[in-house]
Amino acid sequence: RINPDARHAKCGSSSACRVVNTGPFTSIIDINFRRKNGTAYVVELDEASWLALEEGQGGGGTVNACTRAGTAWSCTERASELPMPTAVAIRSGRVFATLFSLVPGQAQVARLR
């Protein structure tokens, strides 16, 4: 977590940057917040791990919707087995994920239900 007003913070040596508990996630690639209700949408490149993806043994990525109650987070899966997800966006209450963005000519945007 980096303070919003931080400049040139070096994580690991700056008080403006601190590590927070990432829970059960193994390969977070993007996080986006829905300001209206405080839901955090967390994208994992692959639930198994980055290494599993690299070795061709992964099961696909996920998008989780996480809400906070006090200091604890509770997450529910919004989408799973996504092929190479890279980002999440929220527009007018709808959630979208980018897929295959790292593969030239194959990028896609998928609307999550």
PDB file of N, CA and C in Angstrom:
ATOM      1  N   ARG A   1       0.854  -1.156   0.000  1.00  0.00           N
ATOM      2  CA  ARG A   1       0.000   0.000   0.000  1.00  0.00           C
ATOM      3  C   ARG A   1       0.906   1.227   0.000  1.00  0.00           C
ATOM      4  N   ILE A   2       0.672   2.131  -0.945  1.00  0.00           N
ATOM      5  CA  ILE A   2       1.464   3.353  -1.058  1.00  0.00           C
ATOM      6  C   ILE A   2       0.564   4.534  -0.742  1.00  0.00           C
ATOM      7  N   ASN A   3       1.017   5.412   0.137  1.00  0.00           N
ATOM      8  CA  ASN A   3       0.240   6.589   0.488  1.00  0.00           C
ATOM      9  C   ASN A   3      -0.076   7.409  -0.759  1.00  0.00           C
ATOM     10  N   PRO A   4      -1.311   7.935  -0.876  1.00  0.00           N
ATOM     11  CA  PRO A   4      -1.707   8.673  -2.080  1.00  0.00           C
ATOM     12  C   PRO A   4      -0.834   9.895  -2.385  1.00  0.00           C
ATOM     13  N   ASP A   5      -0.279  10.526  -1.359  1.00  0.00           N
ATOM     14  CA  ASP A   5       0.533  11.723  -1.587  1.00  0.00           C
ATOM     15  C   ASP A   5       2.030  11.415  -1.656  1.00  0.00           C
ATOM     16  N   ALA A   6       2.400  10.139  -1.693  1.00  0.00           N
ATOM     17  CA  ALA A   6       3.809   9.749  -1.717  1.00  0.00           C
ATOM     18  C   ALA A   6       4.459  10.106  -3.042  1.00  0.00           C
ATOM     19  N   ARG A   7       5.720  10.466  -2.965  1.00  0.00           N
ATOM     20  CA  ARG A   7       6.516  10.746  -4.157  1.00  0.00           C
ATOM     21  C   ARG A   7       7.820   9.968  -4.031  1.00  0.00           C
ATOM     22  N   HIS A   8       8.174   9.229  -5.044  1.00  0.00           N
ATOM     23  CA  HIS A   8       9.431   8.486  -5.102  1.00  0.00           C
ATOM     24  C   HIS A   8       9.602   7.523  -3.927  1.00  0.00           C
ATOM     25  N   ALA A   9       8.502   6.914  -3.479  1.00  0.00           N
ATOM     26  CA  ALA A   9       8.557   5.953  -2.374  1.00  0.00           C
ATOM     27  C   ALA A   9       9.260   4.679  -2.836  1.00  0.00           C
ATOM     28  N   LYS A  10      10.162   4.183  -2.023  1.00  0.00           N
ATOM     29  CA  LYS A  10      10.857   2.939  -2.322  1.00  0.00           C
ATOM     30  C   LYS A  10      10.327   1.878  -1.365  1.00  0.00           C
ATOM     31  N   CYS A  11       9.532   0.973  -1.908  1.00  0.00           N
ATOM     32  CA  CYS A  11       8.941  -0.053  -1.062  1.00  0.00           C
ATOM     33  C   CYS A  11      10.037  -0.925  -0.458  1.00  0.00           C
ATOM     34  N   GLY A  12       9.911  -1.153   0.831  1.00  0.00           N
ATOM     35  CA  GLY A  12      10.920  -1.902   1.559  1.00  0.00           C
ATOM     36  C   GLY A  12      11.799  -1.005   2.403  1.00  0.00           C
ATOM     37  N   SER A  13      11.882   0.281   2.030  1.00  0.00           N
ATOM     38  CA  SER A  13      12.729   1.192   2.812  1.00  0.00           C
ATOM     39  C   SER A  13      12.039   2.523   3.119  1.00  0.00           C
ATOM     40  N   SER A  14      10.834   2.744   2.618  1.00  0.00           N
ATOM     41  CA  SER A  14      10.129   4.008   2.836  1.00  0.00           C
ATOM     42  C   SER A  14       8.893   3.796   3.706  1.00  0.00           C
ATOM     43  N   SER A  15       8.645   4.715   4.631  1.00  0.00           N
ATOM     44  CA  SER A  15       7.450   4.616   5.476  1.00  0.00           C
ATOM     45  C   SER A  15       6.177   4.934   4.680  1.00  0.00           C
ATOM     46  N   ALA A  16       6.319   5.489   3.474  1.00  0.00           N
ATOM     47  CA  ALA A  16       5.161   5.798   2.627  1.00  0.00           C
ATOM     48  C   ALA A  16       4.643   4.549   1.911  1.00  0.00           C
ATOM     49  N   CYS A  17       5.348   3.445   2.055  1.00  0.00           N
ATOM     50  CA  CYS A  17       4.983   2.206   1.359  1.00  0.00           C
ATOM     51  C   CYS A  17       5.061   1.056   2.356  1.00  0.00           C
ATOM     52  N   ARG A  18       3.968   0.276   2.454  1.00  0.00           N
ATOM     53  CA  ARG A  18       3.996  -0.872   3.359  1.00  0.00           C
ATOM     54  C   ARG A  18       3.281  -2.053   2.709  1.00  0.00           C
ATOM     55  N   VAL A  19       3.693  -3.239   3.080  1.00  0.00           N
ATOM     56  CA  VAL A  19       3.095  -4.460   2.556  1.00  0.00           C
ATOM     57  C   VAL A  19       1.837  -4.751   3.359  1.00  0.00           C
ATOM     58  N   VAL A  20       0.768  -5.100   2.650  1.00  0.00           N
ATOM     59  CA  VAL A  20      -0.472  -5.491   3.300  1.00  0.00           C
ATOM     60  C   VAL A  20      -0.758  -6.950   2.971  1.00  0.00           C
ATOM     61  N   ASN A  21      -1.594  -7.587   3.753  1.00  0.00           N
ATOM     62  CA  ASN A  21      -1.945  -8.987   3.540  1.00  0.00           C
ATOM     63  C   ASN A  21      -2.741  -9.124   2.246  1.00  0.00           C
ATOM     64  N   THR A  22      -2.266  -9.951   1.333  1.00  0.00           N
ATOM     65  CA  THR A  22      -2.959 -10.174   0.070  1.00  0.00           C
ATOM     66  C   THR A  22      -3.856 -11.399   0.114  1.00  0.00           C
ATOM     67  N   GLY A  23      -4.005 -11.984   1.296  1.00  0.00           N
ATOM     68  CA  GLY A  23      -4.926 -13.108   1.439  1.00  0.00           C
ATOM     69  C   GLY A  23      -4.503 -14.314   0.641  1.00  0.00           C
ATOM     70  N   PRO A  24      -5.471 -14.975   0.011  1.00  0.00           N
ATOM     71  CA  PRO A  24      -5.182 -16.240  -0.666  1.00  0.00           C
ATOM     72  C   PRO A  24      -4.656 -16.072  -2.097  1.00  0.00           C
ATOM     73  N   PHE A  25      -4.416 -14.844  -2.534  1.00  0.00           N
ATOM     74  CA  PHE A  25      -4.034 -14.619  -3.927  1.00  0.00           C
ATOM     75  C   PHE A  25      -2.586 -15.006  -4.189  1.00  0.00           C
ATOM     76  N   THR A  26      -2.337 -15.531  -5.404  1.00  0.00           N
ATOM     77  CA  THR A  26      -0.991 -15.978  -5.759  1.00  0.00           C
ATOM     78  C   THR A  26      -0.354 -15.162  -6.868  1.00  0.00           C
ATOM     79  N   SER A  27      -1.148 -14.547  -7.723  1.00  0.00           N
ATOM     80  CA  SER A  27      -0.566 -13.856  -8.884  1.00  0.00           C
ATOM     81  C   SER A  27      -1.413 -12.647  -9.277  1.00  0.00           C
ATOM     82  N   ILE A  28      -1.550 -11.691  -8.345  1.00  0.00           N
ATOM     83  CA  ILE A  28      -2.336 -10.488  -8.628  1.00  0.00           C
ATOM     84  C   ILE A  28      -1.667  -9.706  -9.745  1.00  0.00           C
ATOM     85  N   ILE A  29      -2.447  -9.374 -10.769  1.00  0.00           N
ATOM     86  CA  ILE A  29      -1.918  -8.609 -11.891  1.00  0.00           C
ATOM     87  C   ILE A  29      -2.595  -7.240 -12.010  1.00  0.00           C
ATOM     88  N   ASP A  30      -3.797  -7.089 -11.416  1.00  0.00           N
ATOM     89  CA  ASP A  30      -4.475  -5.792 -11.441  1.00  0.00           C
ATOM     90  C   ASP A  30      -5.512  -5.734 -10.323  1.00  0.00           C
ATOM     91  N   ILE A  31      -5.757  -4.527  -9.828  1.00  0.00           N
ATOM     92  CA  ILE A  31      -6.801  -4.263  -8.842  1.00  0.00           C
ATOM     93  C   ILE A  31      -7.487  -2.973  -9.248  1.00  0.00           C
ATOM     94  N   ASN A  32      -8.815  -2.969  -9.160  1.00  0.00           N
ATOM     95  CA  ASN A  32      -9.582  -1.760  -9.446  1.00  0.00           C
ATOM     96  C   ASN A  32     -10.687  -1.658  -8.409  1.00  0.00           C
ATOM     97  N   PHE A  33     -10.988  -0.448  -7.972  1.00  0.00           N
ATOM     98  CA  PHE A  33     -11.984  -0.233  -6.933  1.00  0.00           C
ATOM     99  C   PHE A  33     -13.232   0.429  -7.504  1.00  0.00           C
ATOM    100  N   ARG A  34     -14.376  -0.059  -7.080  1.00  0.00           N
ATOM    101  CA  ARG A  34     -15.637   0.595  -7.400  1.00  0.00           C
ATOM    102  C   ARG A  34     -15.912   1.547  -6.238  1.00  0.00           C
ATOM    103  N   ARG A  35     -15.746   2.819  -6.484  1.00  0.00           N
ATOM    104  CA  ARG A  35     -15.840   3.821  -5.422  1.00  0.00           C
ATOM    105  C   ARG A  35     -17.201   3.860  -4.754  1.00  0.00           C
ATOM    106  N   LYS A  36     -18.246   3.589  -5.514  1.00  0.00           N
ATOM    107  CA  LYS A  36     -19.603   3.706  -4.977  1.00  0.00           C
ATOM    108  C   LYS A  36     -19.826   2.813  -3.758  1.00  0.00           C
ATOM    109  N   ASN A  37     -19.330   1.570  -3.819  1.00  0.00           N
ATOM    110  CA  ASN A  37     -19.559   0.664  -2.685  1.00  0.00           C
ATOM    111  C   ASN A  37     -18.267   0.113  -2.080  1.00  0.00           C
ATOM    112  N   GLY A  38     -17.126   0.540  -2.578  1.00  0.00           N
ATOM    113  CA  GLY A  38     -15.852   0.116  -2.011  1.00  0.00           C
ATOM    114  C   GLY A  38     -15.401  -1.283  -2.386  1.00  0.00           C
ATOM    115  N   THR A  39     -16.057  -1.907  -3.353  1.00  0.00           N
ATOM    116  CA  THR A  39     -15.661  -3.248  -3.791  1.00  0.00           C
ATOM    117  C   THR A  39     -14.341  -3.169  -4.551  1.00  0.00           C
ATOM    118  N   ALA A  40     -13.425  -4.062  -4.221  1.00  0.00           N
ATOM    119  CA  ALA A  40     -12.154  -4.176  -4.939  1.00  0.00           C
ATOM    120  C   ALA A  40     -12.254  -5.375  -5.876  1.00  0.00           C
ATOM    121  N   TYR A  41     -11.963  -5.158  -7.137  1.00  0.00           N
ATOM    122  CA  TYR A  41     -11.934  -6.247  -8.114  1.00  0.00           C
ATOM    123  C   TYR A  41     -10.475  -6.628  -8.324  1.00  0.00           C
ATOM    124  N   VAL A  42     -10.155  -7.884  -8.003  1.00  0.00           N
ATOM    125  CA  VAL A  42      -8.776  -8.367  -8.020  1.00  0.00           C
ATOM    126  C   VAL A  42      -8.627  -9.376  -9.155  1.00  0.00           C
ATOM    127  N   VAL A  43      -7.658  -9.117 -10.035  1.00  0.00           N
ATOM    128  CA  VAL A  43      -7.400 -10.015 -11.170  1.00  0.00           C
ATOM    129  C   VAL A  43      -6.149 -10.828 -10.868  1.00  0.00           C
ATOM    130  N   GLU A  44      -6.278 -12.152 -10.964  1.00  0.00           N
ATOM    131  CA  GLU A  44      -5.131 -13.041 -10.859  1.00  0.00           C
ATOM    132  C   GLU A  44      -4.836 -13.615 -12.238  1.00  0.00           C
ATOM    133  N   LEU A  45      -3.586 -13.537 -12.650  1.00  0.00           N
ATOM    134  CA  LEU A  45      -3.193 -14.074 -13.948  1.00  0.00           C
ATOM    135  C   LEU A  45      -3.485 -15.567 -14.014  1.00  0.00           C
ATOM    136  N   ASP A  46      -3.202 -16.275 -12.931  1.00  0.00           N
ATOM    137  CA  ASP A  46      -3.534 -17.694 -12.837  1.00  0.00           C
ATOM    138  C   ASP A  46      -3.667 -18.043 -11.361  1.00  0.00           C
ATOM    139  N   GLU A  47      -4.736 -18.742 -10.992  1.00  0.00           N
ATOM    140  CA  GLU A  47      -4.950 -19.069  -9.581  1.00  0.00           C
ATOM    141  C   GLU A  47      -3.861 -19.956  -9.004  1.00  0.00           C
ATOM    142  N   ALA A  48      -3.296 -20.832  -9.823  1.00  0.00           N
ATOM    143  CA  ALA A  48      -2.261 -21.743  -9.329  1.00  0.00           C
ATOM    144  C   ALA A  48      -0.989 -20.963  -8.990  1.00  0.00           C
ATOM    145  N   SER A  49      -0.498 -20.144  -9.903  1.00  0.00           N
ATOM    146  CA  SER A  49       0.679 -19.288  -9.698  1.00  0.00           C
ATOM    147  C   SER A  49       1.197 -18.830 -11.058  1.00  0.00           C
ATOM    148  N   TRP A  50       2.112 -17.860 -11.025  1.00  0.00           N
ATOM    149  CA  TRP A  50       2.771 -17.435 -12.268  1.00  0.00           C
ATOM    150  C   TRP A  50       3.541 -18.611 -12.860  1.00  0.00           C
ATOM    151  N   LEU A  51       4.218 -19.348 -12.014  1.00  0.00           N
ATOM    152  CA  LEU A  51       5.029 -20.468 -12.484  1.00  0.00           C
ATOM    153  C   LEU A  51       4.167 -21.512 -13.181  1.00  0.00           C
ATOM    154  N   ALA A  52       2.994 -21.813 -12.623  1.00  0.00           N
ATOM    155  CA  ALA A  52       2.105 -22.793 -13.259  1.00  0.00           C
ATOM    156  C   ALA A  52       1.714 -22.334 -14.656  1.00  0.00           C
ATOM    157  N   LEU A  53       1.448 -21.048 -14.816  1.00  0.00           N
ATOM    158  CA  LEU A  53       1.112 -20.517 -16.137  1.00  0.00           C
ATOM    159  C   LEU A  53       2.292 -20.688 -17.090  1.00  0.00           C
ATOM    160  N   GLU A  54       3.484 -20.328 -16.632  1.00  0.00           N
ATOM    161  CA  GLU A  54       4.683 -20.439 -17.461  1.00  0.00           C
ATOM    162  C   GLU A  54       4.952 -21.878 -17.891  1.00  0.00           C
ATOM    163  N   GLU A  55       4.645 -22.824 -17.006  1.00  0.00           N
ATOM    164  CA  GLU A  55       4.903 -24.234 -17.305  1.00  0.00           C
ATOM    165  C   GLU A  55       3.735 -24.905 -18.019  1.00  0.00           C
ATOM    166  N   GLY A  56       2.684 -24.132 -18.331  1.00  0.00           N
ATOM    167  CA  GLY A  56       1.538 -24.682 -19.040  1.00  0.00           C
ATOM    168  C   GLY A  56       0.647 -25.556 -18.185  1.00  0.00           C
ATOM    169  N   GLN A  57       0.730 -25.418 -16.864  1.00  0.00           N
ATOM    170  CA  GLN A  57      -0.057 -26.250 -15.957  1.00  0.00           C
ATOM    171  C   GLN A  57      -1.157 -25.470 -15.253  1.00  0.00           C
ATOM    172  N   GLY A  58      -1.314 -24.202 -15.587  1.00  0.00           N
ATOM    173  CA  GLY A  58      -2.306 -23.369 -14.911  1.00  0.00           C
ATOM    174  C   GLY A  58      -3.718 -23.681 -15.353  1.00  0.00           C
ATOM    175  N   GLY A  59      -4.655 -23.254 -14.541  1.00  0.00           N
ATOM    176  CA  GLY A  59      -6.062 -23.490 -14.843  1.00  0.00           C
ATOM    177  C   GLY A  59      -6.769 -22.255 -15.359  1.00  0.00           C
ATOM    178  N   GLY A  60      -6.056 -21.152 -15.456  1.00  0.00           N
ATOM    179  CA  GLY A  60      -6.659 -19.913 -15.934  1.00  0.00           C
ATOM    180  C   GLY A  60      -6.770 -18.881 -14.829  1.00  0.00           C
ATOM    181  N   GLY A  61      -7.036 -17.662 -15.238  1.00  0.00           N
ATOM    182  CA  GLY A  61      -7.108 -16.557 -14.299  1.00  0.00           C
ATOM    183  C   GLY A  61      -8.495 -16.357 -13.731  1.00  0.00           C
ATOM    184  N   THR A  62      -8.564 -15.479 -12.731  1.00  0.00           N
ATOM    185  CA  THR A  62      -9.828 -15.193 -12.075  1.00  0.00           C
ATOM    186  C   THR A  62      -9.981 -13.694 -11.840  1.00  0.00           C
ATOM    187  N   VAL A  63     -11.234 -13.287 -11.655  1.00  0.00           N
ATOM    188  CA  VAL A  63     -11.548 -11.954 -11.162  1.00  0.00           C
ATOM    189  C   VAL A  63     -12.407 -12.162  -9.924  1.00  0.00           C
ATOM    190  N   ASN A  64     -11.965 -11.607  -8.802  1.00  0.00           N
ATOM    191  CA  ASN A  64     -12.683 -11.713  -7.541  1.00  0.00           C
ATOM    192  C   ASN A  64     -13.208 -10.347  -7.138  1.00  0.00           C
ATOM    193  N   ALA A  65     -14.410 -10.302  -6.594  1.00  0.00           N
ATOM    194  CA  ALA A  65     -14.980  -9.087  -6.029  1.00  0.00           C
ATOM    195  C   ALA A  65     -14.791  -9.179  -4.522  1.00  0.00           C
ATOM    196  N   CYS A  66     -14.067  -8.224  -3.952  1.00  0.00           N
ATOM    197  CA  CYS A  66     -13.728  -8.268  -2.531  1.00  0.00           C
ATOM    198  C   CYS A  66     -14.300  -7.054  -1.802  1.00  0.00           C
ATOM    199  N   THR A  67     -14.912  -7.315  -0.663  1.00  0.00           N
ATOM    200  CA  THR A  67     -15.442  -6.242   0.175  1.00  0.00           C
ATOM    201  C   THR A  67     -14.794  -6.337   1.544  1.00  0.00           C
ATOM    202  N   ARG A  68     -14.783  -5.216   2.224  1.00  0.00           N
ATOM    203  CA  ARG A  68     -14.114  -5.148   3.516  1.00  0.00           C
ATOM    204  C   ARG A  68     -15.111  -4.931   4.632  1.00  0.00           C
ATOM    205  N   ALA A  69     -14.971  -5.711   5.685  1.00  0.00           N
ATOM    206  CA  ALA A  69     -15.765  -5.553   6.900  1.00  0.00           C
ATOM    207  C   ALA A  69     -14.771  -5.339   8.033  1.00  0.00           C
ATOM    208  N   GLY A  70     -14.588  -4.097   8.438  1.00  0.00           N
ATOM    209  CA  GLY A  70     -13.565  -3.780   9.427  1.00  0.00           C
ATOM    210  C   GLY A  70     -12.198  -3.953   8.817  1.00  0.00           C
ATOM    211  N   THR A  71     -11.390  -4.858   9.359  1.00  0.00           N
ATOM    212  CA  THR A  71     -10.055  -5.098   8.808  1.00  0.00           C
ATOM    213  C   THR A  71      -9.995  -6.373   7.967  1.00  0.00           C
ATOM    214  N   ALA A  72     -11.088  -7.121   7.926  1.00  0.00           N
ATOM    215  CA  ALA A  72     -11.109  -8.382   7.174  1.00  0.00           C
ATOM    216  C   ALA A  72     -11.725  -8.186   5.790  1.00  0.00           C
ATOM    217  N   TRP A  73     -11.187  -8.908   4.810  1.00  0.00           N
ATOM    218  CA  TRP A  73     -11.718  -8.878   3.448  1.00  0.00           C
ATOM    219  C   TRP A  73     -12.457 -10.176   3.172  1.00  0.00           C
ATOM    220  N   SER A  74     -13.541 -10.061   2.418  1.00  0.00           N
ATOM    221  CA  SER A  74     -14.304 -11.229   1.983  1.00  0.00           C
ATOM    222  C   SER A  74     -14.404 -11.157   0.464  1.00  0.00           C
ATOM    223  N   CYS A  75     -14.028 -12.238  -0.209  1.00  0.00           N
ATOM    224  CA  CYS A  75     -14.000 -12.231  -1.677  1.00  0.00           C
ATOM    225  C   CYS A  75     -14.905 -13.309  -2.263  1.00  0.00           C
ATOM    226  N   THR A  76     -15.542 -12.956  -3.378  1.00  0.00           N
ATOM    227  CA  THR A  76     -16.322 -13.929  -4.142  1.00  0.00           C
ATOM    228  C   THR A  76     -15.836 -13.898  -5.585  1.00  0.00           C
ATOM    229  N   GLU A  77     -15.785 -15.055  -6.172  1.00  0.00           N
ATOM    230  CA  GLU A  77     -15.303 -15.182  -7.539  1.00  0.00           C
ATOM    231  C   GLU A  77     -16.347 -14.651  -8.518  1.00  0.00           C
ATOM    232  N   ARG A  78     -15.958 -13.718  -9.374  1.00  0.00           N
ATOM    233  CA  ARG A  78     -16.839 -13.191 -10.418  1.00  0.00           C
ATOM    234  C   ARG A  78     -16.653 -13.932 -11.737  1.00  0.00           C
ATOM    235  N   ALA A  79     -15.434 -14.389 -11.994  1.00  0.00           N
ATOM    236  CA  ALA A  79     -15.146 -15.132 -13.224  1.00  0.00           C
ATOM    237  C   ALA A  79     -13.932 -16.007 -12.968  1.00  0.00           C
ATOM    238  N   SER A  80     -13.897 -17.170 -13.622  1.00  0.00           N
ATOM    239  CA  SER A  80     -12.762 -18.075 -13.453  1.00  0.00           C
ATOM    240  C   SER A  80     -12.382 -18.683 -14.794  1.00  0.00           C
ATOM    241  N   GLU A  81     -11.236 -19.344 -14.796  1.00  0.00           N
ATOM    242  CA  GLU A  81     -10.692 -19.987 -15.990  1.00  0.00           C
ATOM    243  C   GLU A  81     -10.576 -19.018 -17.161  1.00  0.00           C
ATOM    244  N   LEU A  82     -10.262 -17.763 -16.851  1.00  0.00           N
ATOM    245  CA  LEU A  82     -10.080 -16.766 -17.904  1.00  0.00           C
ATOM    246  C   LEU A  82      -8.716 -16.967 -18.567  1.00  0.00           C
ATOM    247  N   PRO A  83      -8.673 -16.943 -19.888  1.00  0.00           N
ATOM    248  CA  PRO A  83      -7.398 -17.129 -20.573  1.00  0.00           C
ATOM    249  C   PRO A  83      -6.572 -15.840 -20.554  1.00  0.00           C
ATOM    250  N   MET A  84      -5.502 -15.854 -19.788  1.00  0.00           N
ATOM    251  CA  MET A  84      -4.544 -14.767 -19.712  1.00  0.00           C
ATOM    252  C   MET A  84      -5.174 -13.386 -19.451  1.00  0.00           C
ATOM    253  N   PRO A  85      -5.881 -13.226 -18.320  1.00  0.00           N
ATOM    254  CA  PRO A  85      -6.437 -11.903 -18.001  1.00  0.00           C
ATOM    255  C   PRO A  85      -5.322 -10.950 -17.578  1.00  0.00           C
ATOM    256  N   THR A  86      -5.483  -9.674 -17.910  1.00  0.00           N
ATOM    257  CA  THR A  86      -4.432  -8.712 -17.567  1.00  0.00           C
ATOM    258  C   THR A  86      -4.948  -7.482 -16.829  1.00  0.00           C
ATOM    259  N   ALA A  87      -6.231  -7.186 -16.908  1.00  0.00           N
ATOM    260  CA  ALA A  87      -6.739  -5.985 -16.243  1.00  0.00           C
ATOM    261  C   ALA A  87      -8.243  -6.090 -16.050  1.00  0.00           C
ATOM    262  N   VAL A  88      -8.760  -5.208 -15.176  1.00  0.00           N
ATOM    263  CA  VAL A  88     -10.199  -5.114 -14.934  1.00  0.00           C
ATOM    264  C   VAL A  88     -10.573  -3.638 -14.943  1.00  0.00           C
ATOM    265  N   ALA A  89     -11.743  -3.350 -15.487  1.00  0.00           N
ATOM    266  CA  ALA A  89     -12.255  -1.980 -15.518  1.00  0.00           C
ATOM    267  C   ALA A  89     -13.722  -1.996 -15.117  1.00  0.00           C
ATOM    268  N   ILE A  90     -14.167  -0.892 -14.538  1.00  0.00           N
ATOM    269  CA  ILE A  90     -15.557  -0.763 -14.110  1.00  0.00           C
ATOM    270  C   ILE A  90     -16.129   0.474 -14.772  1.00  0.00           C
ATOM    271  N   ARG A  91     -17.242   0.307 -15.449  1.00  0.00           N
ATOM    272  CA  ARG A  91     -17.883   1.412 -16.151  1.00  0.00           C
ATOM    273  C   ARG A  91     -19.384   1.302 -15.959  1.00  0.00           C
ATOM    274  N   SER A  92     -19.999   2.298 -15.365  1.00  0.00           N
ATOM    275  CA  SER A  92     -21.450   2.321 -15.134  1.00  0.00           C
ATOM    276  C   SER A  92     -21.940   1.052 -14.423  1.00  0.00           C
ATOM    277  N   GLY A  93     -21.182   0.576 -13.451  1.00  0.00           N
ATOM    278  CA  GLY A  93     -21.568  -0.600 -12.695  1.00  0.00           C
ATOM    279  C   GLY A  93     -21.266  -1.920 -13.374  1.00  0.00           C
ATOM    280  N   ARG A  94     -20.789  -1.880 -14.595  1.00  0.00           N
ATOM    281  CA  ARG A  94     -20.430  -3.107 -15.320  1.00  0.00           C
ATOM    282  C   ARG A  94     -18.938  -3.374 -15.161  1.00  0.00           C
ATOM    283  N   VAL A  95     -18.584  -4.655 -15.107  1.00  0.00           N
ATOM    284  CA  VAL A  95     -17.193  -5.048 -14.915  1.00  0.00           C
ATOM    285  C   VAL A  95     -16.682  -5.715 -16.190  1.00  0.00           C
ATOM    286  N   PHE A  96     -15.515  -5.263 -16.642  1.00  0.00           N
ATOM    287  CA  PHE A  96     -14.895  -5.779 -17.856  1.00  0.00           C
ATOM    288  C   PHE A  96     -13.489  -6.263 -17.538  1.00  0.00           C
ATOM    289  N   ALA A  97     -13.034  -7.286 -18.261  1.00  0.00           N
ATOM    290  CA  ALA A  97     -11.672  -7.781 -18.113  1.00  0.00           C
ATOM    291  C   ALA A  97     -11.009  -7.842 -19.482  1.00  0.00           C
ATOM    292  N   THR A  98      -9.719  -7.538 -19.509  1.00  0.00           N
ATOM    293  CA  THR A  98      -8.976  -7.704 -20.759  1.00  0.00           C
ATOM    294  C   THR A  98      -8.344  -9.095 -20.746  1.00  0.00           C
ATOM    295  N   LEU A  99      -8.343  -9.722 -21.909  1.00  0.00           N
ATOM    296  CA  LEU A  99      -7.798 -11.071 -22.074  1.00  0.00           C
ATOM    297  C   LEU A  99      -6.782 -11.065 -23.209  1.00  0.00           C
ATOM    298  N   PHE A 100      -5.767 -11.879 -23.110  1.00  0.00           N
ATOM    299  CA  PHE A 100      -4.738 -12.040 -24.157  1.00  0.00           C
ATOM    300  C   PHE A 100      -4.026 -10.736 -24.527  1.00  0.00           C
ATOM    301  N   SER A 101      -4.019  -9.755 -23.650  1.00  0.00           N
ATOM    302  CA  SER A 101      -3.390  -8.475 -23.976  1.00  0.00           C
ATOM    303  C   SER A 101      -1.887  -8.576 -24.189  1.00  0.00           C
ATOM    304  N   LEU A 102      -1.285  -9.631 -23.692  1.00  0.00           N
ATOM    305  CA  LEU A 102       0.157  -9.810 -23.849  1.00  0.00           C
ATOM    306  C   LEU A 102       0.520 -10.522 -25.148  1.00  0.00           C
ATOM    307  N   VAL A 103      -0.488 -10.910 -25.928  1.00  0.00           N
ATOM    308  CA  VAL A 103      -0.258 -11.622 -27.182  1.00  0.00           C
ATOM    309  C   VAL A 103      -0.632 -10.687 -28.341  1.00  0.00           C
ATOM    310  N   PRO A 104       0.345 -10.252 -29.141  1.00  0.00           N
ATOM    311  CA  PRO A 104       0.054  -9.319 -30.236  1.00  0.00           C
ATOM    312  C   PRO A 104      -1.062  -9.815 -31.153  1.00  0.00           C
ATOM    313  N   GLY A 105      -2.027  -8.934 -31.409  1.00  0.00           N
ATOM    314  CA  GLY A 105      -3.127  -9.243 -32.322  1.00  0.00           C
ATOM    315  C   GLY A 105      -4.248 -10.069 -31.723  1.00  0.00           C
ATOM    316  N   GLN A 106      -4.187 -10.441 -30.434  1.00  0.00           N
ATOM    317  CA  GLN A 106      -5.214 -11.291 -29.856  1.00  0.00           C
ATOM    318  C   GLN A 106      -5.962 -10.665 -28.675  1.00  0.00           C
ATOM    319  N   ALA A 107      -5.694  -9.404 -28.367  1.00  0.00           N
ATOM    320  CA  ALA A 107      -6.322  -8.767 -27.214  1.00  0.00           C
ATOM    321  C   ALA A 107      -7.836  -8.723 -27.347  1.00  0.00           C
ATOM    322  N   GLN A 108      -8.525  -8.955 -26.219  1.00  0.00           N
ATOM    323  CA  GLN A 108      -9.983  -8.963 -26.178  1.00  0.00           C
ATOM    324  C   GLN A 108     -10.448  -8.258 -24.911  1.00  0.00           C
ATOM    325  N   VAL A 109     -11.671  -7.758 -24.944  1.00  0.00           N
ATOM    326  CA  VAL A 109     -12.327  -7.230 -23.745  1.00  0.00           C
ATOM    327  C   VAL A 109     -13.583  -8.060 -23.519  1.00  0.00           C
ATOM    328  N   ALA A 110     -13.724  -8.584 -22.308  1.00  0.00           N
ATOM    329  CA  ALA A 110     -14.892  -9.421 -21.974  1.00  0.00           C
ATOM    330  C   ALA A 110     -15.690  -8.762 -20.862  1.00  0.00           C
ATOM    331  N   ARG A 111     -17.004  -8.716 -21.031  1.00  0.00           N
ATOM    332  CA  ARG A 111     -17.865  -8.195 -19.983  1.00  0.00           C
ATOM    333  C   ARG A 111     -18.196  -9.344 -19.027  1.00  0.00           C
ATOM    334  N   LEU A 112     -17.979  -9.120 -17.732  1.00  0.00           N
ATOM    335  CA  LEU A 112     -18.270 -10.132 -16.736  1.00  0.00           C
ATOM    336  C   LEU A 112     -19.692  -9.998 -16.268  1.00  0.00           C
ATOM    337  N   ARG A 113     -20.331 -11.093 -15.995  1.00  0.00           N
ATOM    338  CA  ARG A 113     -21.723 -11.069 -15.503  1.00  0.00           C
ATOM    339  C   ARG A 113     -21.767 -11.197 -14.024  1.00  0.00           C
TER     340      ARG A 113
END
